Amino acid sequence: MPPIILMNDPRVVDIPVRECGEPLVDLRQLPFVDVDDRLADPAGAYAQLREGVAWRLARAARLLPDGLRFLVTEGYRPLALQITYFDDYAAELRKAHPDWSDVHLRRQTSRSLSPPEVGPHVAGAAVDLTLCTASGAELDLGTPVNASPEESDGGCYMDADGISAAARRNRRTLTAALATAGLVNYPTEWWHWSYGDRYWALATNAPAAQYGPMTYEG
């Protein structure tokens, strides 16, 4: 597996943001994807996504084979929630590895969760999703959505060894549609795709990100 640039890398953190001001749109109101409620919040923030990202997701949905749909589990994530997720996972890793330095701990935490100040979800620029049938049955993609490297024995990495042939085919199907539509994957999480954020800018050699942190008013 080639070296992976993580979210805490200065090459990501130092990319400037030129906020374009695009609004969030509610994916539950759009016909091209299904939205799962496993991470639903009362305000519906989880179902929001920047308009430009949603448009590209719509294009990707049309590229899927007949009978398949995207099942979205989370889009926008409030900053406070991102901080909680990051700090909780860091605490879990610290407990398991008390000898790690703070720098190494932050790097290892960034495999699964973006530092809050960089978070693509906080900008409404990232979507976590999987594939399902028209009837809503989830396909096998090797691990559950949001499985950590520890929980999945590394199976959450897009190019992980040890997953089934069917899961690998399904990941290729997912990738073909989303990459063609212009989204980029965070390689430690097969389900995480983004557009317009700092990681996208790094992957595409864009001079700046289009979307920065924002607040969802509900």
N, C-alpha and C. Protein backbone atom coordinates (compact mmCIF):
# COMPACT_ATOMS: atom_id res chain seq x y z
N MET A 1 0.85 -1.19 0.00
CA MET A 1 0.00 0.00 0.00
C MET A 1 0.90 1.25 0.00
N PRO A 2 0.70 2.17 -0.95
CA PRO A 2 1.55 3.37 -0.99
C PRO A 2 1.32 4.24 0.24
N PRO A 3 2.31 5.08 0.58
CA PRO A 3 2.14 5.98 1.74
C PRO A 3 0.90 6.85 1.58
N ILE A 4 0.19 7.05 2.68
CA ILE A 4 -1.04 7.83 2.67
C ILE A 4 -0.79 9.17 3.37
N ILE A 5 -1.19 10.24 2.74
CA ILE A 5 -1.12 11.56 3.36
C ILE A 5 -2.35 11.71 4.24
N LEU A 6 -2.14 11.92 5.53
CA LEU A 6 -3.24 12.02 6.48
C LEU A 6 -3.71 13.46 6.62
N MET A 7 -4.87 13.63 7.23
CA MET A 7 -5.50 14.94 7.34
C MET A 7 -4.69 15.93 8.16
N ASN A 8 -3.85 15.44 9.08
CA ASN A 8 -3.08 16.34 9.92
C ASN A 8 -1.77 16.77 9.27
N ASP A 9 -1.50 16.27 8.08
CA ASP A 9 -0.26 16.58 7.39
C ASP A 9 -0.22 18.08 7.04
N PRO A 10 0.92 18.75 7.25
CA PRO A 10 1.01 20.17 6.90
C PRO A 10 0.66 20.46 5.45
N ARG A 11 0.86 19.49 4.57
CA ARG A 11 0.51 19.69 3.16
C ARG A 11 -0.99 19.86 2.99
N VAL A 12 -1.78 19.35 3.93
CA VAL A 12 -3.23 19.54 3.92
C VAL A 12 -3.60 20.77 4.74
N VAL A 13 -3.08 20.83 5.95
CA VAL A 13 -3.45 21.90 6.89
C VAL A 13 -3.13 23.28 6.33
N ASP A 14 -2.02 23.39 5.59
CA ASP A 14 -1.56 24.70 5.12
C ASP A 14 -2.23 25.18 3.83
N ILE A 15 -3.10 24.38 3.25
CA ILE A 15 -3.80 24.82 2.03
C ILE A 15 -4.78 25.93 2.39
N PRO A 16 -4.74 27.05 1.68
CA PRO A 16 -5.67 28.15 2.00
C PRO A 16 -7.10 27.81 1.59
N VAL A 17 -8.03 28.50 2.19
CA VAL A 17 -9.45 28.34 1.86
C VAL A 17 -9.96 29.65 1.26
N ARG A 18 -10.55 29.56 0.09
CA ARG A 18 -11.22 30.70 -0.53
C ARG A 18 -12.71 30.38 -0.57
N GLU A 19 -13.37 30.70 0.52
CA GLU A 19 -14.76 30.32 0.72
C GLU A 19 -15.64 30.90 -0.40
N CYS A 20 -16.41 30.01 -1.04
CA CYS A 20 -17.24 30.44 -2.16
C CYS A 20 -18.67 30.80 -1.74
N GLY A 21 -19.03 30.46 -0.50
CA GLY A 21 -20.34 30.86 0.00
C GLY A 21 -21.51 30.01 -0.44
N GLU A 22 -21.23 28.86 -1.01
CA GLU A 22 -22.33 27.98 -1.43
C GLU A 22 -23.16 27.52 -0.24
N PRO A 23 -24.47 27.42 -0.41
CA PRO A 23 -25.31 26.96 0.69
C PRO A 23 -25.29 25.44 0.83
N LEU A 24 -25.79 24.98 1.96
CA LEU A 24 -26.05 23.57 2.16
C LEU A 24 -27.41 23.22 1.57
N VAL A 25 -27.52 21.98 1.06
CA VAL A 25 -28.81 21.47 0.60
C VAL A 25 -29.11 20.19 1.36
N ASP A 26 -30.39 19.87 1.51
CA ASP A 26 -30.82 18.71 2.27
C ASP A 26 -30.97 17.52 1.33
N LEU A 27 -30.12 16.52 1.50
CA LEU A 27 -30.15 15.36 0.62
C LEU A 27 -31.43 14.56 0.75
N ARG A 28 -32.15 14.71 1.84
CA ARG A 28 -33.41 13.99 2.02
C ARG A 28 -34.49 14.49 1.08
N GLN A 29 -34.28 15.67 0.52
CA GLN A 29 -35.25 16.25 -0.40
C GLN A 29 -34.93 15.94 -1.86
N LEU A 30 -33.87 15.21 -2.09
CA LEU A 30 -33.42 14.94 -3.45
C LEU A 30 -33.62 13.47 -3.80
N PRO A 31 -33.91 13.17 -5.07
CA PRO A 31 -34.33 11.82 -5.43
C PRO A 31 -33.22 10.83 -5.75
N PHE A 32 -31.98 11.28 -5.82
CA PHE A 32 -30.95 10.43 -6.39
C PHE A 32 -30.18 9.59 -5.38
N VAL A 33 -30.39 9.80 -4.09
CA VAL A 33 -29.72 8.99 -3.07
C VAL A 33 -30.71 8.63 -1.97
N ASP A 34 -30.36 7.61 -1.21
CA ASP A 34 -31.08 7.29 0.02
C ASP A 34 -30.26 7.83 1.19
N VAL A 35 -30.93 8.31 2.22
CA VAL A 35 -30.24 8.85 3.39
C VAL A 35 -30.62 8.00 4.60
N ASP A 36 -29.61 7.40 5.19
CA ASP A 36 -29.80 6.54 6.35
C ASP A 36 -29.88 7.39 7.61
N ASP A 37 -30.61 6.93 8.61
CA ASP A 37 -30.78 7.74 9.82
C ASP A 37 -29.96 7.27 11.01
N ARG A 38 -28.94 6.45 10.78
CA ARG A 38 -28.17 5.91 11.91
C ARG A 38 -27.43 6.99 12.68
N LEU A 39 -27.09 8.10 12.02
CA LEU A 39 -26.40 9.21 12.69
C LEU A 39 -27.26 10.47 12.68
N ALA A 40 -28.56 10.29 12.57
CA ALA A 40 -29.46 11.44 12.50
C ALA A 40 -29.42 12.27 13.78
N ASP A 41 -29.52 13.57 13.62
CA ASP A 41 -29.63 14.50 14.75
C ASP A 41 -30.94 15.26 14.61
N PRO A 42 -31.47 15.82 15.69
CA PRO A 42 -32.78 16.48 15.62
C PRO A 42 -32.87 17.59 14.59
N ALA A 43 -31.77 18.31 14.37
CA ALA A 43 -31.79 19.43 13.42
C ALA A 43 -31.64 18.99 11.97
N GLY A 44 -31.25 17.73 11.76
CA GLY A 44 -31.06 17.24 10.40
C GLY A 44 -29.76 17.67 9.76
N ALA A 45 -28.80 18.09 10.57
CA ALA A 45 -27.51 18.53 10.03
C ALA A 45 -26.81 17.42 9.25
N TYR A 46 -26.95 16.20 9.71
CA TYR A 46 -26.25 15.06 9.10
C TYR A 46 -26.60 14.86 7.64
N ALA A 47 -27.76 15.35 7.22
CA ALA A 47 -28.24 15.15 5.85
C ALA A 47 -27.91 16.32 4.93
N GLN A 48 -27.15 17.30 5.42
CA GLN A 48 -26.83 18.48 4.62
C GLN A 48 -25.49 18.31 3.90
N LEU A 49 -25.41 18.94 2.74
CA LEU A 49 -24.18 18.89 1.95
C LEU A 49 -24.12 20.15 1.09
N ARG A 50 -22.92 20.66 0.85
CA ARG A 50 -22.79 21.83 -0.01
C ARG A 50 -23.43 21.53 -1.38
N GLU A 51 -24.00 22.55 -1.96
CA GLU A 51 -24.73 22.40 -3.21
C GLU A 51 -23.87 21.79 -4.31
N GLY A 52 -22.63 22.25 -4.44
CA GLY A 52 -21.76 21.74 -5.49
C GLY A 52 -21.38 20.28 -5.28
N VAL A 53 -21.24 19.88 -4.01
CA VAL A 53 -20.94 18.48 -3.72
C VAL A 53 -22.16 17.61 -4.02
N ALA A 54 -23.33 18.11 -3.63
CA ALA A 54 -24.57 17.37 -3.91
C ALA A 54 -24.79 17.20 -5.40
N TRP A 55 -24.47 18.23 -6.17
CA TRP A 55 -24.62 18.14 -7.63
C TRP A 55 -23.73 17.04 -8.19
N ARG A 56 -22.49 16.96 -7.69
CA ARG A 56 -21.57 15.92 -8.16
C ARG A 56 -22.00 14.54 -7.68
N LEU A 57 -22.59 14.48 -6.51
CA LEU A 57 -23.11 13.21 -6.02
C LEU A 57 -24.26 12.74 -6.91
N ALA A 58 -25.07 13.67 -7.37
CA ALA A 58 -26.16 13.33 -8.29
C ALA A 58 -25.61 12.76 -9.59
N ARG A 59 -24.55 13.38 -10.10
CA ARG A 59 -23.92 12.86 -11.32
C ARG A 59 -23.37 11.45 -11.08
N ALA A 60 -22.70 11.24 -9.95
CA ALA A 60 -22.16 9.93 -9.64
C ALA A 60 -23.26 8.88 -9.55
N ALA A 61 -24.40 9.26 -8.97
CA ALA A 61 -25.52 8.31 -8.82
C ALA A 61 -26.00 7.81 -10.17
N ARG A 62 -25.97 8.68 -11.17
CA ARG A 62 -26.41 8.28 -12.51
C ARG A 62 -25.42 7.34 -13.18
N LEU A 63 -24.20 7.27 -12.66
CA LEU A 63 -23.17 6.40 -13.23
C LEU A 63 -23.17 5.00 -12.62
N LEU A 64 -23.95 4.79 -11.57
CA LEU A 64 -24.00 3.48 -10.93
C LEU A 64 -24.71 2.47 -11.83
N PRO A 65 -24.36 1.20 -11.72
CA PRO A 65 -25.07 0.17 -12.46
C PRO A 65 -26.55 0.15 -12.09
N ASP A 66 -27.38 -0.30 -13.01
CA ASP A 66 -28.82 -0.39 -12.74
C ASP A 66 -29.08 -1.20 -11.47
N GLY A 67 -29.98 -0.70 -10.66
CA GLY A 67 -30.36 -1.41 -9.44
C GLY A 67 -29.58 -1.03 -8.21
N LEU A 68 -28.55 -0.17 -8.37
CA LEU A 68 -27.75 0.25 -7.22
C LEU A 68 -27.97 1.73 -6.93
N ARG A 69 -27.87 2.08 -5.66
CA ARG A 69 -28.04 3.46 -5.21
C ARG A 69 -27.00 3.76 -4.14
N PHE A 70 -26.74 5.05 -3.93
CA PHE A 70 -25.92 5.46 -2.81
C PHE A 70 -26.78 5.52 -1.55
N LEU A 71 -26.21 5.06 -0.45
CA LEU A 71 -26.84 5.19 0.85
C LEU A 71 -25.95 6.09 1.70
N VAL A 72 -26.39 7.31 1.93
CA VAL A 72 -25.60 8.30 2.67
C VAL A 72 -25.84 8.13 4.17
N THR A 73 -24.75 8.10 4.93
CA THR A 73 -24.88 8.01 6.39
C THR A 73 -24.60 9.34 7.07
N GLU A 74 -23.78 10.20 6.45
CA GLU A 74 -23.50 11.51 7.07
C GLU A 74 -22.89 12.46 6.06
N GLY A 75 -23.35 13.71 6.12
CA GLY A 75 -22.75 14.77 5.32
C GLY A 75 -22.11 15.79 6.25
N TYR A 76 -22.80 16.91 6.44
CA TYR A 76 -22.28 17.96 7.32
C TYR A 76 -22.21 17.47 8.77
N ARG A 77 -21.16 17.93 9.46
CA ARG A 77 -20.98 17.59 10.88
C ARG A 77 -20.61 18.87 11.63
N PRO A 78 -21.37 19.25 12.63
CA PRO A 78 -21.03 20.47 13.39
C PRO A 78 -19.65 20.38 14.01
N LEU A 79 -19.00 21.53 14.15
CA LEU A 79 -17.65 21.57 14.69
C LEU A 79 -17.58 20.94 16.08
N ALA A 80 -18.54 21.23 16.93
CA ALA A 80 -18.52 20.68 18.29
C ALA A 80 -18.54 19.15 18.27
N LEU A 81 -19.29 18.57 17.34
CA LEU A 81 -19.36 17.12 17.25
C LEU A 81 -18.04 16.56 16.72
N GLN A 82 -17.43 17.25 15.76
CA GLN A 82 -16.14 16.81 15.25
C GLN A 82 -15.09 16.82 16.35
N ILE A 83 -15.12 17.84 17.18
CA ILE A 83 -14.17 17.92 18.30
C ILE A 83 -14.39 16.75 19.26
N THR A 84 -15.64 16.46 19.55
CA THR A 84 -15.95 15.34 20.45
C THR A 84 -15.46 14.02 19.88
N TYR A 85 -15.76 13.78 18.61
CA TYR A 85 -15.32 12.54 17.97
C TYR A 85 -13.80 12.41 18.01
N PHE A 86 -13.11 13.50 17.65
CA PHE A 86 -11.65 13.46 17.58
C PHE A 86 -11.04 13.23 18.96
N ASP A 87 -11.53 13.98 19.94
CA ASP A 87 -10.97 13.85 21.30
C ASP A 87 -11.26 12.48 21.91
N ASP A 88 -12.45 11.94 21.65
CA ASP A 88 -12.80 10.63 22.21
C ASP A 88 -11.93 9.53 21.61
N TYR A 89 -11.70 9.59 20.29
CA TYR A 89 -10.87 8.57 19.65
C TYR A 89 -9.42 8.71 20.10
N ALA A 90 -8.94 9.95 20.25
CA ALA A 90 -7.59 10.16 20.74
C ALA A 90 -7.42 9.61 22.16
N ALA A 91 -8.44 9.79 22.99
CA ALA A 91 -8.39 9.27 24.35
C ALA A 91 -8.36 7.74 24.35
N GLU A 92 -9.13 7.16 23.45
CA GLU A 92 -9.14 5.69 23.33
C GLU A 92 -7.77 5.17 22.92
N LEU A 93 -7.13 5.84 21.95
CA LEU A 93 -5.80 5.42 21.52
C LEU A 93 -4.76 5.68 22.60
N ARG A 94 -4.88 6.78 23.32
CA ARG A 94 -3.95 7.09 24.40
C ARG A 94 -4.00 6.01 25.49
N LYS A 95 -5.20 5.55 25.79
CA LYS A 95 -5.35 4.51 26.81
C LYS A 95 -4.67 3.21 26.37
N ALA A 96 -4.80 2.90 25.07
CA ALA A 96 -4.20 1.66 24.56
C ALA A 96 -2.70 1.80 24.34
N HIS A 97 -2.21 3.03 24.14
CA HIS A 97 -0.79 3.26 23.82
C HIS A 97 -0.27 4.44 24.63
N PRO A 98 -0.11 4.29 25.93
CA PRO A 98 0.32 5.42 26.77
C PRO A 98 1.73 5.92 26.45
N ASP A 99 2.51 5.14 25.72
CA ASP A 99 3.88 5.52 25.39
C ASP A 99 3.97 6.41 24.16
N TRP A 100 2.89 6.58 23.43
CA TRP A 100 2.94 7.39 22.22
C TRP A 100 3.16 8.87 22.55
N SER A 101 3.95 9.54 21.72
CA SER A 101 4.10 10.99 21.87
C SER A 101 2.82 11.69 21.42
N ASP A 102 2.67 12.95 21.80
CA ASP A 102 1.48 13.70 21.39
C ASP A 102 1.41 13.83 19.87
N VAL A 103 2.56 14.00 19.24
CA VAL A 103 2.60 14.14 17.78
C VAL A 103 2.14 12.85 17.11
N HIS A 104 2.65 11.72 17.61
CA HIS A 104 2.27 10.44 17.02
C HIS A 104 0.80 10.13 17.30
N LEU A 105 0.33 10.48 18.48
CA LEU A 105 -1.07 10.26 18.82
C LEU A 105 -1.97 11.04 17.86
N ARG A 106 -1.63 12.27 17.58
CA ARG A 106 -2.45 13.08 16.68
C ARG A 106 -2.45 12.50 15.27
N ARG A 107 -1.30 12.00 14.86
CA ARG A 107 -1.21 11.38 13.53
C ARG A 107 -2.09 10.14 13.47
N GLN A 108 -2.01 9.29 14.48
CA GLN A 108 -2.79 8.05 14.48
C GLN A 108 -4.29 8.34 14.58
N THR A 109 -4.64 9.35 15.33
CA THR A 109 -6.05 9.74 15.43
C THR A 109 -6.56 10.21 14.07
N SER A 110 -5.69 10.87 13.32
CA SER A 110 -6.08 11.43 12.02
C SER A 110 -6.28 10.37 10.95
N ARG A 111 -5.96 9.13 11.25
CA ARG A 111 -6.28 8.07 10.29
C ARG A 111 -7.78 7.94 10.10
N SER A 112 -8.53 8.12 11.18
CA SER A 112 -9.97 7.91 11.14
C SER A 112 -10.78 9.18 11.30
N LEU A 113 -10.20 10.20 11.91
CA LEU A 113 -10.94 11.44 12.16
C LEU A 113 -10.06 12.63 11.84
N SER A 114 -10.62 13.56 11.10
CA SER A 114 -9.86 14.75 10.74
C SER A 114 -9.72 15.67 11.95
N PRO A 115 -8.56 16.31 12.11
CA PRO A 115 -8.47 17.37 13.12
C PRO A 115 -9.59 18.37 12.88
N PRO A 116 -10.26 18.82 13.93
CA PRO A 116 -11.46 19.65 13.76
C PRO A 116 -11.27 20.88 12.89
N GLU A 117 -10.10 21.50 12.97
CA GLU A 117 -9.89 22.73 12.21
C GLU A 117 -9.75 22.48 10.70
N VAL A 118 -9.58 21.23 10.30
CA VAL A 118 -9.40 20.88 8.89
C VAL A 118 -10.62 20.12 8.35
N GLY A 119 -11.49 19.67 9.23
CA GLY A 119 -12.51 18.69 8.90
C GLY A 119 -13.35 18.97 7.66
N PRO A 120 -13.31 18.11 6.65
CA PRO A 120 -14.17 18.27 5.47
C PRO A 120 -15.65 18.22 5.81
N HIS A 121 -16.04 17.39 6.78
CA HIS A 121 -17.45 17.33 7.16
C HIS A 121 -17.91 18.65 7.77
N VAL A 122 -17.03 19.30 8.51
CA VAL A 122 -17.36 20.58 9.14
C VAL A 122 -17.62 21.66 8.10
N ALA A 123 -17.03 21.48 6.92
CA ALA A 123 -17.22 22.42 5.82
C ALA A 123 -18.41 22.04 4.94
N GLY A 124 -19.08 20.93 5.25
CA GLY A 124 -20.16 20.47 4.38
C GLY A 124 -19.67 19.94 3.06
N ALA A 125 -18.38 19.57 3.01
CA ALA A 125 -17.73 19.18 1.77
C ALA A 125 -17.55 17.68 1.63
N ALA A 126 -17.85 16.92 2.67
CA ALA A 126 -17.60 15.48 2.66
C ALA A 126 -18.88 14.71 2.91
N VAL A 127 -18.93 13.53 2.31
CA VAL A 127 -20.08 12.66 2.50
C VAL A 127 -19.58 11.25 2.79
N ASP A 128 -20.16 10.62 3.80
CA ASP A 128 -19.90 9.22 4.09
C ASP A 128 -21.04 8.41 3.51
N LEU A 129 -20.70 7.39 2.73
CA LEU A 129 -21.77 6.65 2.05
C LEU A 129 -21.34 5.24 1.72
N THR A 130 -22.31 4.43 1.37
CA THR A 130 -22.07 3.09 0.90
C THR A 130 -23.03 2.81 -0.25
N LEU A 131 -23.09 1.56 -0.69
CA LEU A 131 -23.97 1.17 -1.78
C LEU A 131 -25.11 0.32 -1.25
N CYS A 132 -26.26 0.47 -1.86
CA CYS A 132 -27.40 -0.38 -1.50
C CYS A 132 -28.19 -0.72 -2.76
N THR A 133 -29.05 -1.69 -2.64
CA THR A 133 -29.94 -2.04 -3.74
C THR A 133 -31.13 -1.09 -3.74
N ALA A 134 -31.95 -1.19 -4.77
CA ALA A 134 -33.14 -0.34 -4.86
C ALA A 134 -34.08 -0.56 -3.69
N SER A 135 -34.02 -1.75 -3.08
CA SER A 135 -34.88 -2.05 -1.94
C SER A 135 -34.26 -1.63 -0.62
N GLY A 136 -33.03 -1.11 -0.66
CA GLY A 136 -32.38 -0.61 0.56
C GLY A 136 -31.41 -1.56 1.22
N ALA A 137 -31.17 -2.72 0.65
CA ALA A 137 -30.23 -3.68 1.24
C ALA A 137 -28.79 -3.24 0.97
N GLU A 138 -28.00 -3.12 2.03
CA GLU A 138 -26.61 -2.69 1.87
C GLU A 138 -25.75 -3.78 1.25
N LEU A 139 -24.85 -3.37 0.36
CA LEU A 139 -23.91 -4.30 -0.24
C LEU A 139 -22.71 -4.51 0.69
N ASP A 140 -21.97 -5.57 0.45
CA ASP A 140 -20.76 -5.86 1.21
C ASP A 140 -19.61 -5.03 0.65
N LEU A 141 -19.08 -4.12 1.46
CA LEU A 141 -17.89 -3.37 1.07
C LEU A 141 -16.72 -3.65 1.99
N GLY A 142 -16.79 -4.74 2.70
CA GLY A 142 -15.65 -5.20 3.47
C GLY A 142 -15.69 -4.90 4.95
N THR A 143 -16.19 -3.73 5.32
CA THR A 143 -16.33 -3.34 6.73
C THR A 143 -17.58 -2.48 6.85
N PRO A 144 -18.10 -2.31 8.05
CA PRO A 144 -19.15 -1.32 8.23
C PRO A 144 -18.62 0.09 7.97
N VAL A 145 -19.50 1.00 7.60
CA VAL A 145 -19.14 2.41 7.54
C VAL A 145 -18.67 2.86 8.93
N ASN A 146 -17.60 3.66 8.96
CA ASN A 146 -17.03 4.23 10.18
C ASN A 146 -16.25 3.23 11.04
N ALA A 147 -15.95 2.06 10.51
CA ALA A 147 -15.11 1.12 11.26
C ALA A 147 -13.70 1.69 11.38
N SER A 148 -13.15 1.67 12.58
CA SER A 148 -11.80 2.19 12.78
C SER A 148 -10.77 1.17 12.30
N PRO A 149 -9.52 1.58 12.12
CA PRO A 149 -8.48 0.61 11.76
C PRO A 149 -8.35 -0.51 12.78
N GLU A 150 -8.55 -0.18 14.06
CA GLU A 150 -8.45 -1.20 15.10
C GLU A 150 -9.61 -2.20 15.00
N GLU A 151 -10.81 -1.69 14.80
CA GLU A 151 -11.99 -2.55 14.72
C GLU A 151 -11.96 -3.45 13.50
N SER A 152 -11.42 -2.94 12.41
CA SER A 152 -11.48 -3.66 11.13
C SER A 152 -10.17 -4.33 10.75
N ASP A 153 -9.18 -4.28 11.64
CA ASP A 153 -7.85 -4.81 11.34
C ASP A 153 -7.32 -4.23 10.03
N GLY A 154 -7.57 -2.95 9.84
CA GLY A 154 -7.09 -2.26 8.64
C GLY A 154 -7.98 -2.40 7.43
N GLY A 155 -9.08 -3.14 7.56
CA GLY A 155 -9.96 -3.36 6.42
C GLY A 155 -10.67 -2.11 5.95
N CYS A 156 -10.68 -1.06 6.77
CA CYS A 156 -11.33 0.19 6.39
C CYS A 156 -10.55 0.95 5.33
N TYR A 157 -9.26 0.66 5.17
CA TYR A 157 -8.46 1.32 4.16
C TYR A 157 -8.97 0.92 2.77
N MET A 158 -9.06 1.90 1.86
CA MET A 158 -9.62 1.61 0.55
C MET A 158 -8.91 0.46 -0.14
N ASP A 159 -7.59 0.42 -0.07
CA ASP A 159 -6.82 -0.61 -0.77
C ASP A 159 -6.38 -1.75 0.14
N ALA A 160 -7.16 -2.00 1.18
CA ALA A 160 -6.80 -3.04 2.16
C ALA A 160 -6.76 -4.42 1.53
N ASP A 161 -5.83 -5.23 2.00
CA ASP A 161 -5.83 -6.65 1.68
C ASP A 161 -6.81 -7.35 2.61
N GLY A 162 -7.18 -8.56 2.28
CA GLY A 162 -7.95 -9.37 3.21
C GLY A 162 -9.45 -9.19 3.14
N ILE A 163 -9.95 -8.37 2.22
CA ILE A 163 -11.41 -8.28 2.06
C ILE A 163 -11.82 -9.23 0.93
N SER A 164 -13.10 -9.55 0.88
CA SER A 164 -13.58 -10.51 -0.10
C SER A 164 -13.54 -9.95 -1.52
N ALA A 165 -13.60 -10.85 -2.49
CA ALA A 165 -13.62 -10.42 -3.89
C ALA A 165 -14.86 -9.57 -4.17
N ALA A 166 -15.98 -9.94 -3.55
CA ALA A 166 -17.22 -9.17 -3.76
C ALA A 166 -17.08 -7.76 -3.20
N ALA A 167 -16.50 -7.64 -2.01
CA ALA A 167 -16.30 -6.32 -1.41
C ALA A 167 -15.37 -5.47 -2.27
N ARG A 168 -14.34 -6.08 -2.82
CA ARG A 168 -13.42 -5.33 -3.67
C ARG A 168 -14.12 -4.85 -4.94
N ARG A 169 -14.94 -5.71 -5.52
CA ARG A 169 -15.70 -5.28 -6.71
C ARG A 169 -16.62 -4.13 -6.37
N ASN A 170 -17.27 -4.20 -5.23
CA ASN A 170 -18.19 -3.13 -4.84
C ASN A 170 -17.45 -1.82 -4.57
N ARG A 171 -16.26 -1.91 -4.01
CA ARG A 171 -15.46 -0.70 -3.81
C ARG A 171 -15.06 -0.10 -5.15
N ARG A 172 -14.75 -0.95 -6.13
CA ARG A 172 -14.41 -0.43 -7.46
C ARG A 172 -15.61 0.26 -8.09
N THR A 173 -16.79 -0.31 -7.89
CA THR A 173 -18.01 0.31 -8.42
C THR A 173 -18.24 1.67 -7.79
N LEU A 174 -18.10 1.74 -6.47
CA LEU A 174 -18.25 2.99 -5.73
C LEU A 174 -17.26 4.03 -6.24
N THR A 175 -16.01 3.61 -6.35
CA THR A 175 -14.93 4.52 -6.76
C THR A 175 -15.12 5.02 -8.18
N ALA A 176 -15.50 4.14 -9.09
CA ALA A 176 -15.65 4.53 -10.49
C ALA A 176 -16.66 5.66 -10.64
N ALA A 177 -17.78 5.55 -9.95
CA ALA A 177 -18.82 6.57 -10.06
C ALA A 177 -18.41 7.88 -9.41
N LEU A 178 -17.91 7.81 -8.18
CA LEU A 178 -17.61 9.04 -7.43
C LEU A 178 -16.39 9.77 -7.99
N ALA A 179 -15.36 9.03 -8.36
CA ALA A 179 -14.16 9.67 -8.91
C ALA A 179 -14.46 10.31 -10.26
N THR A 180 -15.27 9.66 -11.08
CA THR A 180 -15.65 10.24 -12.37
C THR A 180 -16.39 11.55 -12.19
N ALA A 181 -17.16 11.64 -11.11
CA ALA A 181 -17.92 12.87 -10.83
C ALA A 181 -17.08 13.95 -10.16
N GLY A 182 -15.81 13.65 -9.86
CA GLY A 182 -14.91 14.66 -9.35
C GLY A 182 -14.65 14.64 -7.86
N LEU A 183 -15.22 13.66 -7.14
CA LEU A 183 -14.96 13.57 -5.70
C LEU A 183 -13.68 12.78 -5.46
N VAL A 184 -13.06 13.01 -4.30
CA VAL A 184 -11.84 12.29 -3.94
C VAL A 184 -12.07 11.52 -2.65
N ASN A 185 -11.36 10.41 -2.53
CA ASN A 185 -11.48 9.54 -1.37
C ASN A 185 -10.38 9.82 -0.36
N TYR A 186 -10.71 9.69 0.92
CA TYR A 186 -9.69 9.67 1.97
C TYR A 186 -9.28 8.22 2.13
N PRO A 187 -8.06 7.83 1.76
CA PRO A 187 -7.71 6.42 1.58
C PRO A 187 -7.80 5.54 2.82
N THR A 188 -7.90 6.13 4.01
CA THR A 188 -8.05 5.31 5.20
C THR A 188 -9.51 4.92 5.46
N GLU A 189 -10.43 5.48 4.67
CA GLU A 189 -11.86 5.24 4.87
C GLU A 189 -12.53 5.08 3.51
N TRP A 190 -12.88 3.89 3.13
CA TRP A 190 -13.44 3.67 1.78
C TRP A 190 -14.74 4.45 1.57
N TRP A 191 -15.44 4.78 2.65
CA TRP A 191 -16.75 5.43 2.57
C TRP A 191 -16.69 6.95 2.50
N HIS A 192 -15.53 7.55 2.72
CA HIS A 192 -15.41 9.01 2.86
C HIS A 192 -14.96 9.63 1.54
N TRP A 193 -15.83 10.49 1.00
CA TRP A 193 -15.55 11.17 -0.27
C TRP A 193 -15.83 12.66 -0.12
N SER A 194 -15.04 13.47 -0.80
CA SER A 194 -15.22 14.91 -0.64
C SER A 194 -14.92 15.66 -1.93
N TYR A 195 -15.35 16.90 -1.90
CA TYR A 195 -15.08 17.82 -3.02
C TYR A 195 -14.99 19.24 -2.44
N GLY A 196 -13.99 19.99 -2.90
CA GLY A 196 -13.90 21.39 -2.54
C GLY A 196 -13.21 21.70 -1.23
N ASP A 197 -12.81 20.68 -0.47
CA ASP A 197 -12.14 20.88 0.82
C ASP A 197 -10.62 20.86 0.63
N ARG A 198 -9.90 20.98 1.73
CA ARG A 198 -8.44 21.01 1.64
C ARG A 198 -7.88 19.69 1.08
N TYR A 199 -8.44 18.56 1.51
CA TYR A 199 -7.89 17.29 1.03
C TYR A 199 -8.13 17.14 -0.47
N TRP A 200 -9.29 17.58 -0.93
CA TRP A 200 -9.57 17.59 -2.37
C TRP A 200 -8.56 18.47 -3.09
N ALA A 201 -8.27 19.64 -2.53
CA ALA A 201 -7.32 20.55 -3.16
C ALA A 201 -5.95 19.90 -3.29
N LEU A 202 -5.52 19.20 -2.24
CA LEU A 202 -4.24 18.51 -2.30
C LEU A 202 -4.25 17.44 -3.39
N ALA A 203 -5.31 16.65 -3.44
CA ALA A 203 -5.39 15.53 -4.38
C ALA A 203 -5.48 15.98 -5.83
N THR A 204 -6.03 17.18 -6.05
CA THR A 204 -6.24 17.65 -7.41
C THR A 204 -5.30 18.79 -7.82
N ASN A 205 -4.39 19.13 -6.92
CA ASN A 205 -3.44 20.23 -7.16
C ASN A 205 -4.14 21.58 -7.34
N ALA A 206 -5.30 21.73 -6.72
CA ALA A 206 -5.99 23.02 -6.74
C ALA A 206 -5.23 24.01 -5.84
N PRO A 207 -5.22 25.29 -6.17
CA PRO A 207 -4.46 26.25 -5.37
C PRO A 207 -5.08 26.54 -4.01
N ALA A 208 -6.38 26.26 -3.87
CA ALA A 208 -7.06 26.55 -2.60
C ALA A 208 -8.31 25.68 -2.50
N ALA A 209 -8.78 25.51 -1.27
CA ALA A 209 -10.07 24.86 -1.05
C ALA A 209 -11.19 25.86 -1.32
N GLN A 210 -12.35 25.35 -1.70
CA GLN A 210 -13.50 26.19 -1.99
C GLN A 210 -14.43 26.35 -0.79
N TYR A 211 -14.35 25.38 0.13
CA TYR A 211 -15.27 25.35 1.27
C TYR A 211 -14.49 25.32 2.57
N GLY A 212 -14.86 26.21 3.51
CA GLY A 212 -14.28 26.21 4.83
C GLY A 212 -15.34 25.86 5.87
N PRO A 213 -14.95 25.81 7.13
CA PRO A 213 -15.91 25.49 8.20
C PRO A 213 -17.12 26.41 8.16
N MET A 214 -18.28 25.85 8.46
CA MET A 214 -19.50 26.65 8.45
C MET A 214 -20.42 26.18 9.55
N THR A 215 -21.43 26.99 9.83
CA THR A 215 -22.42 26.66 10.85
C THR A 215 -23.75 26.41 10.19
N TYR A 216 -24.38 25.32 10.57
CA TYR A 216 -25.72 25.00 10.05
C TYR A 216 -26.77 25.58 11.00
N GLU A 217 -27.64 26.38 10.45
CA GLU A 217 -28.62 27.06 11.29
C GLU A 217 -29.86 26.21 11.58
N GLY A 218 -30.09 25.20 10.77
CA GLY A 218 -31.25 24.32 11.00
C GLY A 218 -32.53 24.89 10.45
